[in-house]
């Protein structure tokens, strides 16, 4: 082999060696150790946490909107109920038929509080009279606190006779019932007298307001009304 032939052959041999070494280096660089299978991926944790936080932030995900019906009872005692309206103000004026005079509630300023009127309707769609939940059992939830009806609110059963006419609230006295042409009154009363049962038919529906003394900070979108209709059926409504 002459000198000119030997040089290219040597160059080829060196090129093959260098290429082989370089290729081995690339393959080694791409080889990684499998992760520990006992460690959950970070993405799995990030996926679970938002759902958990959302659940905790809304303790009443089943709450209905205003005017949505909730069925309770079945068969002969089947009925529906709903919360369909609310009214909020710092004070209200009610008329006492015994002395024909309007009174302001509260009679003295109460900073930090206001009054919430919740309007409820119940209709018996069966064919047998049923018991209905009294207003004392219908509660309002706001900011983790439960509020019951205002016991200081004057209602017909505090009058001298069951025949007293309905108590008129000046600011809402012309609010109509959800069905029919009558004006609303205290829930559980019809023309000033107590209704002990919920009788079949829309014309016999119970329709009226319940008054609550609540914090001035109360906001409708964070307020939920709970009605335990019986031992099995409980409805929830969000005011906004």
C-alpha atoms as a PDB file:
ATOM      1  CA  UNK A   1       0.000   0.000   0.000  1.00  0.00           C
ATOM      2  CA  UNK A   2       1.515   3.330  -0.942  1.00  0.00           C
ATOM      3  CA  UNK A   3       1.459   6.438   1.219  1.00  0.00           C
ATOM      4  CA  UNK A   4      -1.447   8.121  -0.604  1.00  0.00           C
ATOM      5  CA  UNK A   5      -3.704   5.094  -0.149  1.00  0.00           C
ATOM      6  CA  UNK A   6      -2.890   4.679   3.548  1.00  0.00           C
ATOM      7  CA  UNK A   7      -4.054   8.172   4.560  1.00  0.00           C
ATOM      8  CA  UNK A   8      -7.710   7.854   3.435  1.00  0.00           C
ATOM      9  CA  UNK A   9      -8.022   4.420   5.036  1.00  0.00           C
ATOM     10  CA  UNK A  10      -6.739   5.773   8.357  1.00  0.00           C
ATOM     11  CA  UNK A  11      -9.125   8.710   8.138  1.00  0.00           C
ATOM     12  CA  UNK A  12     -12.080   6.389   7.569  1.00  0.00           C
ATOM     13  CA  UNK A  13     -11.146   4.259  10.587  1.00  0.00           C
ATOM     14  CA  UNK A  14     -10.929   7.347  12.843  1.00  0.00           C
ATOM     15  CA  UNK A  15     -14.268   8.656  11.551  1.00  0.00           C
ATOM     16  CA  UNK A  16     -16.004   5.354  12.381  1.00  0.00           C
ATOM     17  CA  UNK A  17     -14.539   5.365  15.897  1.00  0.00           C
ATOM     18  CA  UNK A  18     -15.559   8.966  16.555  1.00  0.00           C
ATOM     19  CA  UNK A  19     -19.101   8.408  15.225  1.00  0.00           C
ATOM     20  CA  UNK A  20     -19.507   5.295  17.362  1.00  0.00           C
ATOM     21  CA  UNK A  21     -18.404   7.136  20.475  1.00  0.00           C
ATOM     22  CA  UNK A  22     -20.695  10.070  19.758  1.00  0.00           C
ATOM     23  CA  UNK A  23     -23.678   7.815  19.137  1.00  0.00           C
ATOM     24  CA  UNK A  24     -23.085   6.026  22.408  1.00  0.00           C
ATOM     25  CA  UNK A  25     -23.008   9.352  24.224  1.00  0.00           C
ATOM     26  CA  UNK A  26     -26.393  10.418  22.792  1.00  0.00           C
ATOM     27  CA  UNK A  27     -28.044   7.154  23.752  1.00  0.00           C
ATOM     28  CA  UNK A  28     -26.642   7.369  27.263  1.00  0.00           C
ATOM     29  CA  UNK A  29     -27.937  10.902  27.610  1.00  0.00           C
ATOM     30  CA  UNK A  30     -31.529   9.811  26.745  1.00  0.00           C
ATOM     31  CA  UNK A  31     -31.594   6.951  29.225  1.00  0.00           C
ATOM     32  CA  UNK A  32     -33.469   7.958  32.431  1.00  0.00           C
ATOM     33  CA  UNK A  33     -34.375   6.174  35.632  1.00  0.00           C
ATOM     34  CA  UNK A  34     -38.144   5.407  35.929  1.00  0.00           C
ATOM     35  CA  UNK A  35     -39.863   7.520  38.623  1.00  0.00           C
ATOM     36  CA  UNK A  36     -40.903   5.983  41.903  1.00  0.00           C
ATOM     37  CA  UNK A  37     -44.312   4.447  41.235  1.00  0.00           C
ATOM     38  CA  UNK A  38     -45.390   5.118  44.834  1.00  0.00           C
ATOM     39  CA  UNK A  39     -45.276   8.924  44.359  1.00  0.00           C
ATOM     40  CA  UNK A  40     -48.478  10.358  42.793  1.00  0.00           C
ATOM     41  CA  UNK A  41     -47.971  12.782  39.932  1.00  0.00           C
ATOM     42  CA  UNK A  42     -48.330  16.470  40.766  1.00  0.00           C
ATOM     43  CA  UNK A  43     -51.048  16.877  38.156  1.00  0.00           C
ATOM     44  CA  UNK A  44     -53.303  14.423  40.009  1.00  0.00           C
ATOM     45  CA  UNK A  45     -53.156  16.540  43.174  1.00  0.00           C
ATOM     46  CA  UNK A  46     -53.887  19.739  41.241  1.00  0.00           C
ATOM     47  CA  UNK A  47     -56.941  18.098  39.657  1.00  0.00           C
ATOM     48  CA  UNK A  48     -58.517  16.993  42.951  1.00  0.00           C
ATOM     49  CA  UNK A  49     -58.020  20.084  45.085  1.00  0.00           C
ATOM     50  CA  UNK A  50     -60.219  22.618  43.186  1.00  0.00           C
ATOM     51  CA  UNK A  51     -63.218  20.254  43.242  1.00  0.00           C
ATOM     52  CA  UNK A  52     -62.804  19.719  46.973  1.00  0.00           C
ATOM     53  CA  UNK A  53     -62.590  23.452  47.647  1.00  0.00           C
ATOM     54  CA  UNK A  54     -65.688  24.123  45.520  1.00  0.00           C
ATOM     55  CA  UNK A  55     -67.678  21.543  47.486  1.00  0.00           C
ATOM     56  CA  UNK A  56     -66.676  23.045  50.808  1.00  0.00           C
ATOM     57  CA  UNK A  57     -67.514  26.577  49.659  1.00  0.00           C
ATOM     58  CA  UNK A  58     -71.147  25.666  48.822  1.00  0.00           C
ATOM     59  CA  UNK A  59     -72.785  23.605  51.589  1.00  0.00           C
ATOM     60  CA  UNK A  60     -76.136  23.695  49.729  1.00  0.00           C
ATOM     61  CA  UNK A  61     -75.393  22.546  46.162  1.00  0.00           C
ATOM     62  CA  UNK A  62     -78.927  21.124  45.923  1.00  0.00           C
ATOM     63  CA  UNK A  63     -80.583  24.493  46.612  1.00  0.00           C
ATOM     64  CA  UNK A  64     -83.272  25.530  44.137  1.00  0.00           C
ATOM     65  CA  UNK A  65     -83.948  28.948  42.668  1.00  0.00           C
ATOM     66  CA  UNK A  66     -86.885  31.172  43.594  1.00  0.00           C
ATOM     67  CA  UNK A  67     -90.174  29.812  42.294  1.00  0.00           C
ATOM     68  CA  UNK A  68     -88.910  26.265  41.668  1.00  0.00           C
ATOM     69  CA  UNK A  69     -91.246  23.624  43.079  1.00  0.00           C
ATOM     70  CA  UNK A  70     -90.187  20.870  45.462  1.00  0.00           C
ATOM     71  CA  UNK A  71     -92.373  17.765  45.680  1.00  0.00           C
ATOM     72  CA  UNK A  72     -93.028  16.181  49.057  1.00  0.00           C
ATOM     73  CA  UNK A  73     -95.228  13.286  50.012  1.00  0.00           C
ATOM     74  CA  UNK A  74     -96.644  10.778  47.516  1.00  0.00           C
ATOM     75  CA  UNK A  75     -99.971   9.376  46.418  1.00  0.00           C
ATOM     76  CA  UNK A  76    -102.961  10.778  48.288  1.00  0.00           C
ATOM     77  CA  UNK A  77    -100.785  13.206  50.244  1.00  0.00           C
ATOM     78  CA  UNK A  78     -98.608  14.388  47.343  1.00  0.00           C
ATOM     79  CA  UNK A  79     -97.854  18.115  47.591  1.00  0.00           C
ATOM     80  CA  UNK A  80     -95.462  20.779  46.330  1.00  0.00           C
ATOM     81  CA  UNK A  81     -93.830  23.745  48.019  1.00  0.00           C
ATOM     82  CA  UNK A  82     -91.697  26.680  46.976  1.00  0.00           C
ATOM     83  CA  UNK A  83     -90.056  29.906  48.104  1.00  0.00           C
ATOM     84  CA  UNK A  84     -90.999  32.432  45.438  1.00  0.00           C
ATOM     85  CA  UNK A  85     -90.156  35.944  46.704  1.00  0.00           C
ATOM     86  CA  UNK A  86     -88.308  37.934  49.357  1.00  0.00           C
ATOM     87  CA  UNK A  87     -88.279  41.503  50.650  1.00  0.00           C
ATOM     88  CA  UNK A  88     -85.607  43.167  52.830  1.00  0.00           C
ATOM     89  CA  UNK A  89     -85.671  46.469  54.712  1.00  0.00           C
ATOM     90  CA  UNK A  90     -84.287  48.082  57.859  1.00  0.00           C
ATOM     91  CA  UNK A  91     -87.807  48.642  59.234  1.00  0.00           C
ATOM     92  CA  UNK A  92     -91.430  47.882  58.409  1.00  0.00           C
ATOM     93  CA  UNK A  93     -94.802  49.257  59.469  1.00  0.00           C
ATOM     94  CA  UNK A  94     -97.651  47.009  60.571  1.00  0.00           C
ATOM     95  CA  UNK A  95    -101.276  47.834  61.235  1.00  0.00           C
ATOM     96  CA  UNK A  96    -102.960  46.785  64.482  1.00  0.00           C
ATOM     97  CA  UNK A  97    -106.702  46.362  63.894  1.00  0.00           C
ATOM     98  CA  UNK A  98    -107.413  46.424  67.617  1.00  0.00           C
ATOM     99  CA  UNK A  99    -106.525  50.107  67.876  1.00  0.00           C
ATOM    100  CA  UNK A 100    -106.469  51.022  64.158  1.00  0.00           C
ATOM    101  CA  UNK A 101    -102.900  52.260  64.350  1.00  0.00           C
ATOM    102  CA  UNK A 102     -99.666  51.655  62.423  1.00  0.00           C
ATOM    103  CA  UNK A 103     -96.559  50.695  64.385  1.00  0.00           C
ATOM    104  CA  UNK A 104     -92.914  50.816  63.305  1.00  0.00           C
ATOM    105  CA  UNK A 105     -90.789  47.705  63.765  1.00  0.00           C
ATOM    106  CA  UNK A 106     -88.428  48.074  65.441  1.00  0.00           C
ATOM    107  CA  UNK A 107     -89.718  50.905  67.593  1.00  0.00           C
ATOM    108  CA  UNK A 108     -86.100  51.787  68.402  1.00  0.00           C
ATOM    109  CA  UNK A 109     -83.109  51.843  66.028  1.00  0.00           C
ATOM    110  CA  UNK A 110     -81.148  48.572  65.926  1.00  0.00           C
ATOM    111  CA  UNK A 111     -77.851  49.169  64.113  1.00  0.00           C
ATOM    112  CA  UNK A 112     -76.455  46.071  62.453  1.00  0.00           C
ATOM    113  CA  UNK A 113     -79.818  44.400  61.793  1.00  0.00           C
ATOM    114  CA  UNK A 114     -82.588  44.387  59.192  1.00  0.00           C
ATOM    115  CA  UNK A 115     -85.732  42.407  58.411  1.00  0.00           C
ATOM    116  CA  UNK A 116     -86.069  39.686  55.803  1.00  0.00           C
ATOM    117  CA  UNK A 117     -89.530  38.640  54.553  1.00  0.00           C
ATOM    118  CA  UNK A 118     -89.575  35.201  52.892  1.00  0.00           C
ATOM    119  CA  UNK A 119     -92.665  34.280  50.833  1.00  0.00           C
ATOM    120  CA  UNK A 120     -93.654  30.598  50.814  1.00  0.00           C
ATOM    121  CA  UNK A 121     -96.383  28.683  48.999  1.00  0.00           C
ATOM    122  CA  UNK A 122     -97.562  25.077  49.464  1.00  0.00           C
ATOM    123  CA  UNK A 123    -100.173  23.238  47.374  1.00  0.00           C
ATOM    124  CA  UNK A 124    -101.737  19.867  48.105  1.00  0.00           C
ATOM    125  CA  UNK A 125    -101.870  17.971  44.790  1.00  0.00           C
ATOM    126  CA  UNK A 126    -103.277  14.806  46.362  1.00  0.00           C
ATOM    127  CA  UNK A 127    -106.792  14.144  47.623  1.00  0.00           C
ATOM    128  CA  UNK A 128    -106.340  14.028  51.399  1.00  0.00           C
ATOM    129  CA  UNK A 129    -105.580  16.841  53.821  1.00  0.00           C
ATOM    130  CA  UNK A 130    -102.014  16.863  55.146  1.00  0.00           C
ATOM    131  CA  UNK A 131    -100.031  18.498  57.891  1.00  0.00           C
ATOM    132  CA  UNK A 132     -97.789  21.317  56.776  1.00  0.00           C
ATOM    133  CA  UNK A 133     -94.559  22.570  58.401  1.00  0.00           C
ATOM    134  CA  UNK A 134     -95.188  25.498  60.761  1.00  0.00           C
ATOM    135  CA  UNK A 135     -93.334  28.731  60.160  1.00  0.00           C
ATOM    136  CA  UNK A 136     -91.263  28.089  63.293  1.00  0.00           C
ATOM    137  CA  UNK A 137     -89.620  25.156  61.478  1.00  0.00           C
ATOM    138  CA  UNK A 138     -88.751  27.120  58.330  1.00  0.00           C
ATOM    139  CA  UNK A 139     -85.262  28.558  58.786  1.00  0.00           C
ATOM    140  CA  UNK A 140     -82.791  30.806  56.995  1.00  0.00           C
ATOM    141  CA  UNK A 141     -79.074  30.024  56.651  1.00  0.00           C
ATOM    142  CA  UNK A 142     -76.547  32.794  56.131  1.00  0.00           C
ATOM    143  CA  UNK A 143     -72.788  32.840  56.632  1.00  0.00           C
ATOM    144  CA  UNK A 144     -72.838  29.638  58.688  1.00  0.00           C
ATOM    145  CA  UNK A 145     -75.592  30.835  61.059  1.00  0.00           C
ATOM    146  CA  UNK A 146     -79.218  29.648  61.171  1.00  0.00           C
ATOM    147  CA  UNK A 147     -82.041  32.139  61.799  1.00  0.00           C
ATOM    148  CA  UNK A 148     -85.607  31.357  62.884  1.00  0.00           C
ATOM    149  CA  UNK A 149     -88.687  33.544  62.539  1.00  0.00           C
ATOM    150  CA  UNK A 150     -88.776  36.771  64.525  1.00  0.00           C
ATOM    151  CA  UNK A 151     -90.850  36.017  67.625  1.00  0.00           C
ATOM    152  CA  UNK A 152     -91.476  39.746  68.147  1.00  0.00           C
ATOM    153  CA  UNK A 153     -93.411  39.996  64.904  1.00  0.00           C
ATOM    154  CA  UNK A 154     -97.117  40.570  65.584  1.00  0.00           C
ATOM    155  CA  UNK A 155     -99.227  37.789  64.043  1.00  0.00           C
ATOM    156  CA  UNK A 156    -103.002  37.175  64.130  1.00  0.00           C
ATOM    157  CA  UNK A 157    -102.896  34.552  66.880  1.00  0.00           C
ATOM    158  CA  UNK A 158    -101.730  37.265  69.283  1.00  0.00           C
ATOM    159  CA  UNK A 159    -104.972  39.158  68.689  1.00  0.00           C
ATOM    160  CA  UNK A 160    -107.963  38.929  71.022  1.00  0.00           C
ATOM    161  CA  UNK A 161    -110.040  36.921  68.574  1.00  0.00           C
ATOM    162  CA  UNK A 162    -109.359  34.422  65.790  1.00  0.00           C
ATOM    163  CA  UNK A 163    -111.721  36.496  63.652  1.00  0.00           C
ATOM    164  CA  UNK A 164    -109.323  39.445  63.537  1.00  0.00           C
ATOM    165  CA  UNK A 165    -108.537  40.550  59.992  1.00  0.00           C
ATOM    166  CA  UNK A 166    -105.040  39.860  58.622  1.00  0.00           C
ATOM    167  CA  UNK A 167    -102.188  41.981  59.898  1.00  0.00           C
ATOM    168  CA  UNK A 168    -101.260  44.480  57.199  1.00  0.00           C
ATOM    169  CA  UNK A 169     -97.624  45.327  56.482  1.00  0.00           C
ATOM    170  CA  UNK A 170     -97.751  48.776  54.915  1.00  0.00           C
ATOM    171  CA  UNK A 171     -94.788  48.252  52.561  1.00  0.00           C
ATOM    172  CA  UNK A 172     -96.050  44.943  51.135  1.00  0.00           C
ATOM    173  CA  UNK A 173     -99.786  44.986  51.832  1.00  0.00           C
ATOM    174  CA  UNK A 174    -100.598  44.945  48.107  1.00  0.00           C
ATOM    175  CA  UNK A 175     -98.297  42.061  47.249  1.00  0.00           C
ATOM    176  CA  UNK A 176    -100.486  39.366  45.713  1.00  0.00           C
ATOM    177  CA  UNK A 177    -100.295  35.674  46.436  1.00  0.00           C
ATOM    178  CA  UNK A 178     -98.549  33.517  43.864  1.00  0.00           C
ATOM    179  CA  UNK A 179    -101.895  32.198  42.643  1.00  0.00           C
ATOM    180  CA  UNK A 180    -105.330  33.769  42.957  1.00  0.00           C
ATOM    181  CA  UNK A 181    -106.247  37.388  43.608  1.00  0.00           C
ATOM    182  CA  UNK A 182    -105.838  37.644  47.376  1.00  0.00           C
ATOM    183  CA  UNK A 183    -103.147  39.673  49.107  1.00  0.00           C
ATOM    184  CA  UNK A 184    -100.474  37.859  51.091  1.00  0.00           C
ATOM    185  CA  UNK A 185    -100.545  37.592  54.874  1.00  0.00           C
ATOM    186  CA  UNK A 186     -98.581  35.720  57.510  1.00  0.00           C
ATOM    187  CA  UNK A 187     -97.761  32.184  56.427  1.00  0.00           C
ATOM    188  CA  UNK A 188    -100.164  29.652  57.927  1.00  0.00           C
ATOM    189  CA  UNK A 189    -103.108  32.050  58.072  1.00  0.00           C
ATOM    190  CA  UNK A 190    -106.071  32.624  55.811  1.00  0.00           C
ATOM    191  CA  UNK A 191    -108.047  35.829  56.276  1.00  0.00           C
ATOM    192  CA  UNK A 192    -106.607  36.165  59.741  1.00  0.00           C
ATOM    193  CA  UNK A 193    -107.461  32.678  60.996  1.00  0.00           C
ATOM    194  CA  UNK A 194    -105.096  29.764  61.497  1.00  0.00           C
ATOM    195  CA  UNK A 195    -105.030  26.979  58.922  1.00  0.00           C
ATOM    196  CA  UNK A 196    -104.302  23.680  60.658  1.00  0.00           C
ATOM    197  CA  UNK A 197    -104.125  21.525  57.511  1.00  0.00           C
ATOM    198  CA  UNK A 198    -103.167  21.837  53.884  1.00  0.00           C
ATOM    199  CA  UNK A 199    -106.259  20.847  51.909  1.00  0.00           C
ATOM    200  CA  UNK A 200    -106.281  19.557  48.299  1.00  0.00           C
ATOM    201  CA  UNK A 201    -106.455  22.024  45.433  1.00  0.00           C
ATOM    202  CA  UNK A 202    -104.664  25.184  44.335  1.00  0.00           C
ATOM    203  CA  UNK A 203    -107.465  27.336  45.755  1.00  0.00           C
ATOM    204  CA  UNK A 204    -106.618  25.953  49.217  1.00  0.00           C
ATOM    205  CA  UNK A 205    -102.893  26.664  48.951  1.00  0.00           C
ATOM    206  CA  UNK A 206    -101.023  28.163  51.881  1.00  0.00           C
ATOM    207  CA  UNK A 207     -99.290  31.315  50.733  1.00  0.00           C
ATOM    208  CA  UNK A 208     -97.678  33.906  52.959  1.00  0.00           C
ATOM    209  CA  UNK A 209     -94.576  35.511  54.418  1.00  0.00           C
ATOM    210  CA  UNK A 210     -92.334  34.724  57.363  1.00  0.00           C
ATOM    211  CA  UNK A 211     -90.342  37.517  59.025  1.00  0.00           C
ATOM    212  CA  UNK A 212     -86.709  37.111  60.131  1.00  0.00           C
ATOM    213  CA  UNK A 213     -84.433  39.520  61.979  1.00  0.00           C
ATOM    214  CA  UNK A 214     -81.075  39.136  60.254  1.00  0.00           C
ATOM    215  CA  UNK A 215     -77.672  40.872  60.096  1.00  0.00           C
ATOM    216  CA  UNK A 216     -77.460  44.032  58.003  1.00  0.00           C
ATOM    217  CA  UNK A 217     -74.662  42.331  56.034  1.00  0.00           C
ATOM    218  CA  UNK A 218     -76.985  39.605  54.725  1.00  0.00           C
ATOM    219  CA  UNK A 219     -76.818  39.218  50.952  1.00  0.00           C
ATOM    220  CA  UNK A 220     -79.511  37.263  49.040  1.00  0.00           C
ATOM    221  CA  UNK A 221     -77.038  35.323  46.885  1.00  0.00           C
ATOM    222  CA  UNK A 222     -75.484  33.831  50.028  1.00  0.00           C
ATOM    223  CA  UNK A 223     -78.797  33.123  51.780  1.00  0.00           C
ATOM    224  CA  UNK A 224     -80.588  29.763  51.733  1.00  0.00           C
ATOM    225  CA  UNK A 225     -84.081  28.946  53.055  1.00  0.00           C
ATOM    226  CA  UNK A 226     -84.649  25.431  54.419  1.00  0.00           C
ATOM    227  CA  UNK A 227     -88.096  23.823  54.722  1.00  0.00           C
ATOM    228  CA  UNK A 228     -88.317  20.398  56.418  1.00  0.00           C
ATOM    229  CA  UNK A 229     -91.663  19.216  55.039  1.00  0.00           C
ATOM    230  CA  UNK A 230     -91.657  15.903  56.887  1.00  0.00           C
ATOM    231  CA  UNK A 231     -89.267  13.306  58.194  1.00  0.00           C
ATOM    232  CA  UNK A 232     -88.074  12.411  54.684  1.00  0.00           C
ATOM    233  CA  UNK A 233     -88.382  15.468  52.431  1.00  0.00           C
ATOM    234  CA  UNK A 234     -86.454  18.710  52.945  1.00  0.00           C
ATOM    235  CA  UNK A 235     -86.212  21.494  50.387  1.00  0.00           C
ATOM    236  CA  UNK A 236     -83.634  24.278  50.041  1.00  0.00           C
ATOM    237  CA  UNK A 237     -83.929  27.549  48.109  1.00  0.00           C
ATOM    238  CA  UNK A 238     -81.355  30.222  47.365  1.00  0.00           C
ATOM    239  CA  UNK A 239     -82.748  33.765  47.413  1.00  0.00           C
ATOM    240  CA  UNK A 240     -80.632  34.891  44.453  1.00  0.00           C
END
